[in-house]
Structure formats: structure tokens, C-alpha cells
Amino acid sequence: MGMLSFIKEAGEKLFGRGDAKTAQEAVEASPTPENVAALSKVAGNAIETYIKSMNLKVESLAISFDAPTATVTVAGIAPDQATREKVLLCCGNVANVAAVNDMMTVADSAPESQWYTVASGDNLSKISKQFYGTPNKYPQIFEANQPMLTHPDKIYPGQLLRIPADI
């Protein structure tokens, strides 16, 4: 549990469409407390929908977004450490999110993964060499970040990745 930092400008563009876009435009036109609260609510709902679309099952999942601080708070009981970490990545690797307040617990605990922020010029082989001493273990990193990653070559600067313990 704790706070994870993310690069606010990087990530999935969940807030640029539908109700979230309308709420964002309302805040830009008139930043009243009511409009900010509405933006926070629809943004939190968009993140929760995104997590569910990734087929990540969390008991009692609760997501909230605080628009003024660009912080997501996530709570619930994940079945395992990997699911917990993937949910945190889903919450944080979203454009306009600067931090994730992790209030989750895990039913079956295991060692936590390391975190790595992708830099310009990185690829999974290079990251694998840095963490495991060989570029040939990049599939381990790719699998640890699925379903958010759809292809090993589709990572972007600013994205936060899980780096599991070497197996």
C-alpha cells in the first residue's frame, strides 16, 4: 500500500471521450466545485470500466478520482499480487493521472514486483537485460504486463511497467 507516481501526460486517453470529455470541457469553461466533482466522478467511472475491460477481477473494487490533484484512489481485495499490481498500472497509466493511492489488499500474498518507467529508446529486451542480465527474458516482462500490453513492441516513454522477480 502507498502512493505510486506516474507521468501525467502519458497513458491511455480515457478522459478524451464521452461523459469524461464533456465534464472536462465544463471544468475548463467554468471550474466550479460542482463541475470539478462531476469530472472526478466520471473519470473514476472511466478508470473502473477500463479495469473491468482488462478482465481483472477484484472483490469490492472501489475507484475514485480527485481531479484537482490528478490522483486515483483504488481499494478492494485482489486475488493475488500480480492482479493487484496490474490494477495499479491500469489506474496510473492513464493520461491526466499523476498518482495512484493504493488502498488494496491481497488474498494470496507474494513478493512485490519492481517498477520501471519506460524511457525514450527503451524496448523490452533492453529492460530485460537491465533487470535479469539477459535480453532473452523480455517475454517474462511482457506477460507480467498483459493484458495492458498487447504487443512487446508497443511500449511508450513514461509508461510504468511491472518487473516481476526472475523465475
Foldseek 3Di string as FASTA:
>chain_A
DFKDFFDQAAAAAQQCDDQSVVLVVVCVVPVDPVSQQSNFVVVQVSLVVQLVVLVQDFAPWDWTARQVQLEIEIETEHQEQLSLVLSLLSSRRYHRHGMYGYHYHYPDYDDFFDKDFDAPPDFLLVVCCVPPVGSVCSVVQVVSNPPVDPDRGPDDGRRMGTHHDDD
